[in-house]
Amino acid sequence: MRHRVRGRQFSRDTDHRQALFRNLLTSLVQHEAITTTEAKAKEIRPLAEKLVSYGKEGTVFARRKAARVLYDRLAVRKLFDVIAPRFADRHGGYVRILKLGPRRGDAAPMARIEFVE
């Protein structure tokens, strides 16, 4: 039974799955939009929202928390200096998911996750 069990496993162990999410989040911050499967986009959306909230805090501790997640220091800097100020007067909903249709090779449902303007 799966009672009160959250999240998808993606046929990976915990460390591999967390590394996958960190890679996706780092790419999202660097490029501000990425194309991935719908399931992965839905999984990283709350994590991306939390990163933007850290950026809006602007404290040293928030910067360290973001650096724990993102692999690149330049991505942390971009999060705090470019992305977070854009959402200064917004209280959530920083990321949107656009469905693209099936992938050509295996018909996996694809989506584009991006920061709203």
PDB file of N, CA and C in Angstrom:
ATOM      1  N   MET A   1       0.828  -1.182   0.000  1.00  0.00           N
ATOM      2  CA  MET A   1       0.000   0.000   0.000  1.00  0.00           C
ATOM      3  C   MET A   1       0.873   1.246   0.000  1.00  0.00           C
ATOM      4  N   ARG A   2       0.395   2.302  -0.645  1.00  0.00           N
ATOM      5  CA  ARG A   2       1.178   3.521  -0.778  1.00  0.00           C
ATOM      6  C   ARG A   2       0.610   4.657   0.065  1.00  0.00           C
ATOM      7  N   HIS A   3      -0.003   4.357   1.161  1.00  0.00           N
ATOM      8  CA  HIS A   3      -0.619   5.398   1.959  1.00  0.00           C
ATOM      9  C   HIS A   3       0.420   6.410   2.435  1.00  0.00           C
ATOM     10  N   ARG A   4       0.149   7.667   2.228  1.00  0.00           N
ATOM     11  CA  ARG A   4       0.974   8.784   2.702  1.00  0.00           C
ATOM     12  C   ARG A   4       2.412   8.742   2.168  1.00  0.00           C
ATOM     13  N   VAL A   5       2.596   8.142   1.006  1.00  0.00           N
ATOM     14  CA  VAL A   5       3.906   8.107   0.373  1.00  0.00           C
ATOM     15  C   VAL A   5       3.879   9.094  -0.784  1.00  0.00           C
ATOM     16  N   ARG A   6       4.722  10.115  -0.699  1.00  0.00           N
ATOM     17  CA  ARG A   6       4.713  11.170  -1.706  1.00  0.00           C
ATOM     18  C   ARG A   6       5.835  10.997  -2.709  1.00  0.00           C
ATOM     19  N   GLY A   7       5.648  11.537  -3.884  1.00  0.00           N
ATOM     20  CA  GLY A   7       6.707  11.604  -4.874  1.00  0.00           C
ATOM     21  C   GLY A   7       6.801  10.372  -5.743  1.00  0.00           C
ATOM     22  N   ARG A   8       7.474  10.568  -6.855  1.00  0.00           N
ATOM     23  CA  ARG A   8       7.691   9.491  -7.799  1.00  0.00           C
ATOM     24  C   ARG A   8       9.108   8.955  -7.636  1.00  0.00           C
ATOM     25  N   GLN A   9       9.299   7.670  -7.952  1.00  0.00           N
ATOM     26  CA  GLN A   9      10.619   7.073  -7.788  1.00  0.00           C
ATOM     27  C   GLN A   9      11.467   7.146  -9.048  1.00  0.00           C
ATOM     28  N   PHE A  10      10.847   7.160 -10.211  1.00  0.00           N
ATOM     29  CA  PHE A  10      11.554   7.214 -11.491  1.00  0.00           C
ATOM     30  C   PHE A  10      12.535   6.057 -11.661  1.00  0.00           C
ATOM     31  N   SER A  11      12.277   4.918 -11.024  1.00  0.00           N
ATOM     32  CA  SER A  11      13.135   3.737 -11.119  1.00  0.00           C
ATOM     33  C   SER A  11      14.579   4.045 -10.745  1.00  0.00           C
ATOM     34  N   ARG A  12      14.759   4.890  -9.744  1.00  0.00           N
ATOM     35  CA  ARG A  12      16.090   5.275  -9.287  1.00  0.00           C
ATOM     36  C   ARG A  12      16.139   5.163  -7.773  1.00  0.00           C
ATOM     37  N   ASP A  13      17.341   4.958  -7.229  1.00  0.00           N
ATOM     38  CA  ASP A  13      17.454   5.006  -5.781  1.00  0.00           C
ATOM     39  C   ASP A  13      17.469   6.471  -5.332  1.00  0.00           C
ATOM     40  N   THR A  14      17.458   6.699  -4.035  1.00  0.00           N
ATOM     41  CA  THR A  14      17.267   8.042  -3.494  1.00  0.00           C
ATOM     42  C   THR A  14      18.359   9.010  -3.940  1.00  0.00           C
ATOM     43  N   ASP A  15      19.613   8.593  -3.858  1.00  0.00           N
ATOM     44  CA  ASP A  15      20.713   9.493  -4.215  1.00  0.00           C
ATOM     45  C   ASP A  15      20.665   9.878  -5.689  1.00  0.00           C
ATOM     46  N   HIS A  16      20.373   8.903  -6.536  1.00  0.00           N
ATOM     47  CA  HIS A  16      20.299   9.172  -7.970  1.00  0.00           C
ATOM     48  C   HIS A  16      19.150  10.118  -8.283  1.00  0.00           C
ATOM     49  N   ARG A  17      18.017   9.904  -7.633  1.00  0.00           N
ATOM     50  CA  ARG A  17      16.838  10.749  -7.845  1.00  0.00           C
ATOM     51  C   ARG A  17      17.105  12.184  -7.377  1.00  0.00           C
ATOM     52  N   GLN A  18      17.744  12.336  -6.231  1.00  0.00           N
ATOM     53  CA  GLN A  18      18.054  13.680  -5.738  1.00  0.00           C
ATOM     54  C   GLN A  18      19.064  14.379  -6.642  1.00  0.00           C
ATOM     55  N   ALA A  19      20.030  13.643  -7.167  1.00  0.00           N
ATOM     56  CA  ALA A  19      20.984  14.225  -8.105  1.00  0.00           C
ATOM     57  C   ALA A  19      20.274  14.656  -9.389  1.00  0.00           C
ATOM     58  N   LEU A  20      19.329  13.861  -9.847  1.00  0.00           N
ATOM     59  CA  LEU A  20      18.541  14.220 -11.023  1.00  0.00           C
ATOM     60  C   LEU A  20      17.801  15.533 -10.790  1.00  0.00           C
ATOM     61  N   PHE A  21      17.141  15.656  -9.641  1.00  0.00           N
ATOM     62  CA  PHE A  21      16.390  16.871  -9.331  1.00  0.00           C
ATOM     63  C   PHE A  21      17.326  18.079  -9.231  1.00  0.00           C
ATOM     64  N   ARG A  22      18.492  17.891  -8.605  1.00  0.00           N
ATOM     65  CA  ARG A  22      19.436  18.999  -8.480  1.00  0.00           C
ATOM     66  C   ARG A  22      19.955  19.434  -9.847  1.00  0.00           C
ATOM     67  N   ASN A  23      20.201  18.469 -10.737  1.00  0.00           N
ATOM     68  CA  ASN A  23      20.626  18.817 -12.091  1.00  0.00           C
ATOM     69  C   ASN A  23      19.538  19.584 -12.824  1.00  0.00           C
ATOM     70  N   LEU A  24      18.294  19.126 -12.713  1.00  0.00           N
ATOM     71  CA  LEU A  24      17.191  19.821 -13.380  1.00  0.00           C
ATOM     72  C   LEU A  24      17.014  21.230 -12.826  1.00  0.00           C
ATOM     73  N   LEU A  25      17.101  21.387 -11.512  1.00  0.00           N
ATOM     74  CA  LEU A  25      16.939  22.710 -10.906  1.00  0.00           C
ATOM     75  C   LEU A  25      18.077  23.648 -11.298  1.00  0.00           C
ATOM     76  N   THR A  26      19.300  23.137 -11.340  1.00  0.00           N
ATOM     77  CA  THR A  26      20.423  23.973 -11.752  1.00  0.00           C
ATOM     78  C   THR A  26      20.247  24.430 -13.190  1.00  0.00           C
ATOM     79  N   SER A  27      19.823  23.526 -14.066  1.00  0.00           N
ATOM     80  CA  SER A  27      19.591  23.895 -15.464  1.00  0.00           C
ATOM     81  C   SER A  27      18.443  24.888 -15.583  1.00  0.00           C
ATOM     82  N   LEU A  28      17.415  24.715 -14.775  1.00  0.00           N
ATOM     83  CA  LEU A  28      16.280  25.631 -14.820  1.00  0.00           C
ATOM     84  C   LEU A  28      16.712  27.041 -14.427  1.00  0.00           C
ATOM     85  N   VAL A  29      17.525  27.159 -13.399  1.00  0.00           N
ATOM     86  CA  VAL A  29      17.982  28.485 -12.974  1.00  0.00           C
ATOM     87  C   VAL A  29      18.926  29.079 -14.015  1.00  0.00           C
ATOM     88  N   GLN A  30      19.796  28.275 -14.587  1.00  0.00           N
ATOM     89  CA  GLN A  30      20.760  28.782 -15.569  1.00  0.00           C
ATOM     90  C   GLN A  30      20.070  29.246 -16.846  1.00  0.00           C
ATOM     91  N   HIS A  31      19.120  28.450 -17.348  1.00  0.00           N
ATOM     92  CA  HIS A  31      18.509  28.728 -18.651  1.00  0.00           C
ATOM     93  C   HIS A  31      17.116  29.344 -18.537  1.00  0.00           C
ATOM     94  N   GLU A  32      16.538  29.343 -17.354  1.00  0.00           N
ATOM     95  CA  GLU A  32      15.224  29.892 -17.038  1.00  0.00           C
ATOM     96  C   GLU A  32      14.071  29.137 -17.694  1.00  0.00           C
ATOM     97  N   ALA A  33      14.348  28.093 -18.446  1.00  0.00           N
ATOM     98  CA  ALA A  33      13.319  27.232 -19.021  1.00  0.00           C
ATOM     99  C   ALA A  33      13.997  25.954 -19.503  1.00  0.00           C
ATOM    100  N   ILE A  34      13.381  24.801 -19.218  1.00  0.00           N
ATOM    101  CA  ILE A  34      13.922  23.535 -19.698  1.00  0.00           C
ATOM    102  C   ILE A  34      12.773  22.668 -20.190  1.00  0.00           C
ATOM    103  N   THR A  35      13.103  21.722 -21.055  1.00  0.00           N
ATOM    104  CA  THR A  35      12.137  20.756 -21.560  1.00  0.00           C
ATOM    105  C   THR A  35      12.473  19.404 -20.960  1.00  0.00           C
ATOM    106  N   THR A  36      11.481  18.780 -20.337  1.00  0.00           N
ATOM    107  CA  THR A  36      11.668  17.483 -19.695  1.00  0.00           C
ATOM    108  C   THR A  36      10.333  16.749 -19.738  1.00  0.00           C
ATOM    109  N   THR A  37      10.267  15.591 -19.108  1.00  0.00           N
ATOM    110  CA  THR A  37       8.993  14.869 -19.073  1.00  0.00           C
ATOM    111  C   THR A  37       8.044  15.558 -18.094  1.00  0.00           C
ATOM    112  N   GLU A  38       6.761  15.331 -18.282  1.00  0.00           N
ATOM    113  CA  GLU A  38       5.755  15.946 -17.405  1.00  0.00           C
ATOM    114  C   GLU A  38       5.953  15.536 -15.956  1.00  0.00           C
ATOM    115  N   ALA A  39       6.245  14.262 -15.725  1.00  0.00           N
ATOM    116  CA  ALA A  39       6.392  13.773 -14.357  1.00  0.00           C
ATOM    117  C   ALA A  39       7.560  14.460 -13.653  1.00  0.00           C
ATOM    118  N   LYS A  40       8.684  14.607 -14.348  1.00  0.00           N
ATOM    119  CA  LYS A  40       9.837  15.268 -13.738  1.00  0.00           C
ATOM    120  C   LYS A  40       9.547  16.744 -13.502  1.00  0.00           C
ATOM    121  N   ALA A  41       8.862  17.386 -14.431  1.00  0.00           N
ATOM    122  CA  ALA A  41       8.507  18.793 -14.260  1.00  0.00           C
ATOM    123  C   ALA A  41       7.599  18.981 -13.054  1.00  0.00           C
ATOM    124  N   LYS A  42       6.643  18.075 -12.881  1.00  0.00           N
ATOM    125  CA  LYS A  42       5.736  18.182 -11.740  1.00  0.00           C
ATOM    126  C   LYS A  42       6.453  17.949 -10.418  1.00  0.00           C
ATOM    127  N   GLU A  43       7.495  17.134 -10.434  1.00  0.00           N
ATOM    128  CA  GLU A  43       8.242  16.866  -9.215  1.00  0.00           C
ATOM    129  C   GLU A  43       9.148  18.035  -8.823  1.00  0.00           C
ATOM    130  N   ILE A  44       9.737  18.716  -9.804  1.00  0.00           N
ATOM    131  CA  ILE A  44      10.668  19.780  -9.438  1.00  0.00           C
ATOM    132  C   ILE A  44       9.993  21.133  -9.260  1.00  0.00           C
ATOM    133  N   ARG A  45       8.727  21.247  -9.622  1.00  0.00           N
ATOM    134  CA  ARG A  45       8.049  22.535  -9.467  1.00  0.00           C
ATOM    135  C   ARG A  45       8.072  23.053  -8.028  1.00  0.00           C
ATOM    136  N   PRO A  46       7.674  22.265  -7.010  1.00  0.00           N
ATOM    137  CA  PRO A  46       7.726  22.806  -5.648  1.00  0.00           C
ATOM    138  C   PRO A  46       9.145  23.119  -5.184  1.00  0.00           C
ATOM    139  N   LEU A  47      10.121  22.373  -5.676  1.00  0.00           N
ATOM    140  CA  LEU A  47      11.509  22.646  -5.305  1.00  0.00           C
ATOM    141  C   LEU A  47      11.975  23.969  -5.914  1.00  0.00           C
ATOM    142  N   ALA A  48      11.553  24.236  -7.147  1.00  0.00           N
ATOM    143  CA  ALA A  48      11.918  25.499  -7.790  1.00  0.00           C
ATOM    144  C   ALA A  48      11.231  26.673  -7.099  1.00  0.00           C
ATOM    145  N   GLU A  49       9.984  26.477  -6.699  1.00  0.00           N
ATOM    146  CA  GLU A  49       9.264  27.541  -5.981  1.00  0.00           C
ATOM    147  C   GLU A  49       9.982  27.864  -4.679  1.00  0.00           C
ATOM    148  N   LYS A  50      10.465  26.843  -3.983  1.00  0.00           N
ATOM    149  CA  LYS A  50      11.172  27.049  -2.721  1.00  0.00           C
ATOM    150  C   LYS A  50      12.482  27.786  -2.955  1.00  0.00           C
ATOM    151  N   LEU A  51      13.180  27.466  -4.056  1.00  0.00           N
ATOM    152  CA  LEU A  51      14.419  28.170  -4.360  1.00  0.00           C
ATOM    153  C   LEU A  51      14.178  29.660  -4.576  1.00  0.00           C
ATOM    154  N   VAL A  52      13.103  29.997  -5.280  1.00  0.00           N
ATOM    155  CA  VAL A  52      12.795  31.412  -5.500  1.00  0.00           C
ATOM    156  C   VAL A  52      12.452  32.086  -4.176  1.00  0.00           C
ATOM    157  N   SER A  53      11.773  31.363  -3.294  1.00  0.00           N
ATOM    158  CA  SER A  53      11.483  31.926  -1.973  1.00  0.00           C
ATOM    159  C   SER A  53      12.765  32.197  -1.200  1.00  0.00           C
ATOM    160  N   TYR A  54      13.741  31.298  -1.312  1.00  0.00           N
ATOM    161  CA  TYR A  54      15.039  31.547  -0.697  1.00  0.00           C
ATOM    162  C   TYR A  54      15.661  32.807  -1.280  1.00  0.00           C
ATOM    163  N   GLY A  55      15.572  32.943  -2.586  1.00  0.00           N
ATOM    164  CA  GLY A  55      16.135  34.121  -3.244  1.00  0.00           C
ATOM    165  C   GLY A  55      15.472  35.405  -2.791  1.00  0.00           C
ATOM    166  N   LYS A  56      14.177  35.355  -2.534  1.00  0.00           N
ATOM    167  CA  LYS A  56      13.474  36.544  -2.071  1.00  0.00           C
ATOM    168  C   LYS A  56      13.841  36.902  -0.639  1.00  0.00           C
ATOM    169  N   GLU A  57      14.210  35.903   0.172  1.00  0.00           N
ATOM    170  CA  GLU A  57      14.669  36.199   1.535  1.00  0.00           C
ATOM    171  C   GLU A  57      15.930  37.046   1.487  1.00  0.00           C
ATOM    172  N   GLY A  58      16.877  36.639   0.666  1.00  0.00           N
ATOM    173  CA  GLY A  58      18.079  37.418   0.475  1.00  0.00           C
ATOM    174  C   GLY A  58      19.097  37.350   1.593  1.00  0.00           C
ATOM    175  N   THR A  59      18.909  36.489   2.574  1.00  0.00           N
ATOM    176  CA  THR A  59      19.856  36.399   3.677  1.00  0.00           C
ATOM    177  C   THR A  59      21.019  35.475   3.312  1.00  0.00           C
ATOM    178  N   VAL A  60      22.064  35.538   4.105  1.00  0.00           N
ATOM    179  CA  VAL A  60      23.215  34.665   3.881  1.00  0.00           C
ATOM    180  C   VAL A  60      22.804  33.208   4.090  1.00  0.00           C
ATOM    181  N   PHE A  61      21.982  32.969   5.094  1.00  0.00           N
ATOM    182  CA  PHE A  61      21.541  31.599   5.358  1.00  0.00           C
ATOM    183  C   PHE A  61      20.696  31.062   4.202  1.00  0.00           C
ATOM    184  N   ALA A  62      19.832  31.903   3.621  1.00  0.00           N
ATOM    185  CA  ALA A  62      19.033  31.483   2.472  1.00  0.00           C
ATOM    186  C   ALA A  62      19.930  31.181   1.283  1.00  0.00           C
ATOM    187  N   ARG A  63      20.986  31.974   1.120  1.00  0.00           N
ATOM    188  CA  ARG A  63      21.934  31.726   0.028  1.00  0.00           C
ATOM    189  C   ARG A  63      22.642  30.388   0.227  1.00  0.00           C
ATOM    190  N   ARG A  64      22.963  30.063   1.477  1.00  0.00           N
ATOM    191  CA  ARG A  64      23.605  28.780   1.760  1.00  0.00           C
ATOM    192  C   ARG A  64      22.648  27.623   1.527  1.00  0.00           C
ATOM    193  N   LYS A  65      21.368  27.806   1.883  1.00  0.00           N
ATOM    194  CA  LYS A  65      20.381  26.752   1.628  1.00  0.00           C
ATOM    195  C   LYS A  65      20.228  26.517   0.130  1.00  0.00           C
ATOM    196  N   ALA A  66      20.230  27.582  -0.661  1.00  0.00           N
ATOM    197  CA  ALA A  66      20.129  27.430  -2.111  1.00  0.00           C
ATOM    198  C   ALA A  66      21.381  26.766  -2.671  1.00  0.00           C
ATOM    199  N   ALA A  67      22.532  27.086  -2.096  1.00  0.00           N
ATOM    200  CA  ALA A  67      23.782  26.490  -2.569  1.00  0.00           C
ATOM    201  C   ALA A  67      23.848  25.002  -2.263  1.00  0.00           C
ATOM    202  N   ARG A  68      23.101  24.549  -1.256  1.00  0.00           N
ATOM    203  CA  ARG A  68      23.036  23.113  -0.985  1.00  0.00           C
ATOM    204  C   ARG A  68      22.331  22.368  -2.107  1.00  0.00           C
ATOM    205  N   VAL A  69      21.416  23.042  -2.780  1.00  0.00           N
ATOM    206  CA  VAL A  69      20.617  22.394  -3.814  1.00  0.00           C
ATOM    207  C   VAL A  69      21.260  22.554  -5.187  1.00  0.00           C
ATOM    208  N   LEU A  70      21.670  23.759  -5.517  1.00  0.00           N
ATOM    209  CA  LEU A  70      22.197  24.028  -6.851  1.00  0.00           C
ATOM    210  C   LEU A  70      23.669  23.641  -6.925  1.00  0.00           C
ATOM    211  N   TYR A  71      24.077  23.114  -8.064  1.00  0.00           N
ATOM    212  CA  TYR A  71      25.437  22.648  -8.241  1.00  0.00           C
ATOM    213  C   TYR A  71      26.418  23.771  -8.578  1.00  0.00           C
ATOM    214  N   ASP A  72      25.927  24.867  -9.135  1.00  0.00           N
ATOM    215  CA  ASP A  72      26.801  25.903  -9.672  1.00  0.00           C
ATOM    216  C   ASP A  72      26.668  27.184  -8.856  1.00  0.00           C
ATOM    217  N   ARG A  73      27.798  27.777  -8.465  1.00  0.00           N
ATOM    218  CA  ARG A  73      27.756  29.030  -7.708  1.00  0.00           C
ATOM    219  C   ARG A  73      27.192  30.172  -8.542  1.00  0.00           C
ATOM    220  N   LEU A  74      27.463  30.160  -9.839  1.00  0.00           N
ATOM    221  CA  LEU A  74      26.909  31.206 -10.698  1.00  0.00           C
ATOM    222  C   LEU A  74      25.390  31.101 -10.770  1.00  0.00           C
ATOM    223  N   ALA A  75      24.860  29.889 -10.682  1.00  0.00           N
ATOM    224  CA  ALA A  75      23.413  29.716 -10.669  1.00  0.00           C
ATOM    225  C   ALA A  75      22.819  30.294  -9.388  1.00  0.00           C
ATOM    226  N   VAL A  76      23.510  30.124  -8.267  1.00  0.00           N
ATOM    227  CA  VAL A  76      23.038  30.714  -6.997  1.00  0.00           C
ATOM    228  C   VAL A  76      23.038  32.228  -7.116  1.00  0.00           C
ATOM    229  N   ARG A  77      24.101  32.773  -7.673  1.00  0.00           N
ATOM    230  CA  ARG A  77      24.183  34.223  -7.849  1.00  0.00           C
ATOM    231  C   ARG A  77      23.070  34.725  -8.760  1.00  0.00           C
ATOM    232  N   LYS A  78      22.803  34.003  -9.848  1.00  0.00           N
ATOM    233  CA  LYS A  78      21.743  34.417 -10.764  1.00  0.00           C
ATOM    234  C   LYS A  78      20.386  34.331 -10.086  1.00  0.00           C
ATOM    235  N   LEU A  79      20.178  33.297  -9.285  1.00  0.00           N
ATOM    236  CA  LEU A  79      18.915  33.150  -8.559  1.00  0.00           C
ATOM    237  C   LEU A  79      18.663  34.353  -7.664  1.00  0.00           C
ATOM    238  N   PHE A  80      19.674  34.783  -6.922  1.00  0.00           N
ATOM    239  CA  PHE A  80      19.496  35.856  -5.957  1.00  0.00           C
ATOM    240  C   PHE A  80      19.524  37.242  -6.595  1.00  0.00           C
ATOM    241  N   ASP A  81      20.280  37.428  -7.674  1.00  0.00           N
ATOM    242  CA  ASP A  81      20.459  38.757  -8.247  1.00  0.00           C
ATOM    243  C   ASP A  81      19.535  39.053  -9.424  1.00  0.00           C
ATOM    244  N   VAL A  82      19.109  38.023 -10.150  1.00  0.00           N
ATOM    245  CA  VAL A  82      18.309  38.251 -11.355  1.00  0.00           C
ATOM    246  C   VAL A  82      16.884  37.722 -11.204  1.00  0.00           C
ATOM    247  N   ILE A  83      16.747  36.469 -10.789  1.00  0.00           N
ATOM    248  CA  ILE A  83      15.433  35.821 -10.803  1.00  0.00           C
ATOM    249  C   ILE A  83      14.563  36.280  -9.636  1.00  0.00           C
ATOM    250  N   ALA A  84      15.102  36.256  -8.417  1.00  0.00           N
ATOM    251  CA  ALA A  84      14.295  36.599  -7.244  1.00  0.00           C
ATOM    252  C   ALA A  84      13.776  38.039  -7.260  1.00  0.00           C
ATOM    253  N   PRO A  85      14.566  39.043  -7.641  1.00  0.00           N
ATOM    254  CA  PRO A  85      14.012  40.402  -7.674  1.00  0.00           C
ATOM    255  C   PRO A  85      12.852  40.562  -8.658  1.00  0.00           C
ATOM    256  N   ARG A  86      12.820  39.712  -9.670  1.00  0.00           N
ATOM    257  CA  ARG A  86      11.728  39.756 -10.644  1.00  0.00           C
ATOM    258  C   ARG A  86      10.381  39.428  -9.988  1.00  0.00           C
ATOM    259  N   PHE A  87      10.421  38.625  -8.908  1.00  0.00           N
ATOM    260  CA  PHE A  87       9.194  38.185  -8.244  1.00  0.00           C
ATOM    261  C   PHE A  87       9.013  38.855  -6.885  1.00  0.00           C
ATOM    262  N   ALA A  88       9.543  40.056  -6.713  1.00  0.00           N
ATOM    263  CA  ALA A  88       9.511  40.725  -5.410  1.00  0.00           C
ATOM    264  C   ALA A  88       8.085  40.972  -4.921  1.00  0.00           C
ATOM    265  N   ASP A  89       7.169  41.282  -5.817  1.00  0.00           N
ATOM    266  CA  ASP A  89       5.797  41.591  -5.406  1.00  0.00           C
ATOM    267  C   ASP A  89       4.826  40.454  -5.716  1.00  0.00           C
ATOM    268  N   ARG A  90       5.346  39.238  -5.851  1.00  0.00           N
ATOM    269  CA  ARG A  90       4.513  38.070  -6.153  1.00  0.00           C
ATOM    270  C   ARG A  90       4.600  37.087  -4.993  1.00  0.00           C
ATOM    271  N   HIS A  91       3.480  36.472  -4.645  1.00  0.00           N
ATOM    272  CA  HIS A  91       3.419  35.608  -3.468  1.00  0.00           C
ATOM    273  C   HIS A  91       3.335  34.131  -3.819  1.00  0.00           C
ATOM    274  N   GLY A  92       3.983  33.704  -4.851  1.00  0.00           N
ATOM    275  CA  GLY A  92       3.945  32.304  -5.243  1.00  0.00           C
ATOM    276  C   GLY A  92       3.607  32.185  -6.711  1.00  0.00           C
ATOM    277  N   GLY A  93       3.644  30.976  -7.224  1.00  0.00           N
ATOM    278  CA  GLY A  93       3.349  30.765  -8.634  1.00  0.00           C
ATOM    279  C   GLY A  93       4.451  31.316  -9.518  1.00  0.00           C
ATOM    280  N   TYR A  94       5.700  31.041  -9.161  1.00  0.00           N
ATOM    281  CA  TYR A  94       6.835  31.569  -9.902  1.00  0.00           C
ATOM    282  C   TYR A  94       7.159  30.729 -11.133  1.00  0.00           C
ATOM    283  N   VAL A  95       6.667  29.501 -11.180  1.00  0.00           N
ATOM    284  CA  VAL A  95       7.038  28.550 -12.226  1.00  0.00           C
ATOM    285  C   VAL A  95       5.768  28.039 -12.901  1.00  0.00           C
ATOM    286  N   ARG A  96       5.825  27.863 -14.205  1.00  0.00           N
ATOM    287  CA  ARG A  96       4.692  27.266 -14.913  1.00  0.00           C
ATOM    288  C   ARG A  96       5.165  26.080 -15.734  1.00  0.00           C
ATOM    289  N   ILE A  97       4.234  25.156 -15.966  1.00  0.00           N
ATOM    290  CA  ILE A  97       4.513  23.961 -16.751  1.00  0.00           C
ATOM    291  C   ILE A  97       3.610  23.993 -17.977  1.00  0.00           C
ATOM    292  N   LEU A  98       4.200  23.932 -19.147  1.00  0.00           N
ATOM    293  CA  LEU A  98       3.458  23.905 -20.406  1.00  0.00           C
ATOM    294  C   LEU A  98       3.602  22.517 -21.016  1.00  0.00           C
ATOM    295  N   LYS A  99       2.495  21.872 -21.297  1.00  0.00           N
ATOM    296  CA  LYS A  99       2.541  20.535 -21.881  1.00  0.00           C
ATOM    297  C   LYS A  99       2.825  20.642 -23.371  1.00  0.00           C
ATOM    298  N   LEU A 100       3.719  19.772 -23.857  1.00  0.00           N
ATOM    299  CA  LEU A 100       4.177  19.845 -25.243  1.00  0.00           C
ATOM    300  C   LEU A 100       3.676  18.708 -26.118  1.00  0.00           C
ATOM    301  N   GLY A 101       3.267  17.600 -25.545  1.00  0.00           N
ATOM    302  CA  GLY A 101       2.870  16.454 -26.332  1.00  0.00           C
ATOM    303  C   GLY A 101       3.874  15.326 -26.181  1.00  0.00           C
ATOM    304  N   PRO A 102       3.657  14.241 -26.882  1.00  0.00           N
ATOM    305  CA  PRO A 102       4.511  13.062 -26.691  1.00  0.00           C
ATOM    306  C   PRO A 102       5.887  13.216 -27.342  1.00  0.00           C
ATOM    307  N   ARG A 103       6.884  12.582 -26.709  1.00  0.00           N
ATOM    308  CA  ARG A 103       8.231  12.540 -27.259  1.00  0.00           C
ATOM    309  C   ARG A 103       8.235  11.552 -28.418  1.00  0.00           C
ATOM    310  N   ARG A 104       9.053  11.811 -29.412  1.00  0.00           N
ATOM    311  CA  ARG A 104       9.024  11.025 -30.624  1.00  0.00           C
ATOM    312  C   ARG A 104       9.501   9.592 -30.430  1.00  0.00           C
ATOM    313  N   GLY A 105      10.516   9.385 -29.615  1.00  0.00           N
ATOM    314  CA  GLY A 105      11.099   8.058 -29.492  1.00  0.00           C
ATOM    315  C   GLY A 105      10.248   7.076 -28.717  1.00  0.00           C
ATOM    316  N   ASP A 106       9.747   7.487 -27.541  1.00  0.00           N
ATOM    317  CA  ASP A 106       9.019   6.548 -26.691  1.00  0.00           C
ATOM    318  C   ASP A 106       7.629   7.049 -26.291  1.00  0.00           C
ATOM    319  N   ALA A 107       7.182   8.150 -26.874  1.00  0.00           N
ATOM    320  CA  ALA A 107       5.849   8.717 -26.638  1.00  0.00           C
ATOM    321  C   ALA A 107       5.646   9.144 -25.180  1.00  0.00           C
ATOM    322  N   ALA A 108       6.746   9.475 -24.495  1.00  0.00           N
ATOM    323  CA  ALA A 108       6.619   9.990 -23.131  1.00  0.00           C
ATOM    324  C   ALA A 108       6.048  11.404 -23.199  1.00  0.00           C
ATOM    325  N   PRO A 109       5.104  11.742 -22.328  1.00  0.00           N
ATOM    326  CA  PRO A 109       4.536  13.098 -22.356  1.00  0.00           C
ATOM    327  C   PRO A 109       5.585  14.120 -21.924  1.00  0.00           C
ATOM    328  N   MET A 110       5.821  15.107 -22.755  1.00  0.00           N
ATOM    329  CA  MET A 110       6.856  16.106 -22.506  1.00  0.00           C
ATOM    330  C   MET A 110       6.225  17.414 -22.036  1.00  0.00           C
ATOM    331  N   ALA A 111       7.029  18.204 -21.335  1.00  0.00           N
ATOM    332  CA  ALA A 111       6.564  19.484 -20.821  1.00  0.00           C
ATOM    333  C   ALA A 111       7.728  20.453 -20.776  1.00  0.00           C
ATOM    334  N   ARG A 112       7.412  21.730 -20.811  1.00  0.00           N
ATOM    335  CA  ARG A 112       8.403  22.793 -20.679  1.00  0.00           C
ATOM    336  C   ARG A 112       8.119  23.488 -19.349  1.00  0.00           C
ATOM    337  N   ILE A 113       9.107  23.543 -18.479  1.00  0.00           N
ATOM    338  CA  ILE A 113       8.957  24.228 -17.206  1.00  0.00           C
ATOM    339  C   ILE A 113       9.789  25.502 -17.274  1.00  0.00           C
ATOM    340  N   GLU A 114       9.171  26.624 -16.888  1.00  0.00           N
ATOM    341  CA  GLU A 114       9.829  27.911 -17.016  1.00  0.00           C
ATOM    342  C   GLU A 114       9.349  28.872 -15.945  1.00  0.00           C
ATOM    343  N   PHE A 115      10.155  29.890 -15.708  1.00  0.00           N
ATOM    344  CA  PHE A 115       9.746  30.947 -14.784  1.00  0.00           C
ATOM    345  C   PHE A 115       8.765  31.860 -15.499  1.00  0.00           C
ATOM    346  N   VAL A 116       7.733  32.287 -14.793  1.00  0.00           N
ATOM    347  CA  VAL A 116       6.755  33.193 -15.408  1.00  0.00           C
ATOM    348  C   VAL A 116       7.399  34.574 -15.536  1.00  0.00           C
ATOM    349  N   GLU A 117       6.874  35.368 -16.426  1.00  0.00           N
ATOM    350  CA  GLU A 117       7.457  36.699 -16.683  1.00  0.00           C
ATOM    351  C   GLU A 117       6.817  37.742 -15.811  1.00  0.00           C
TER     352      GLU A 117
END
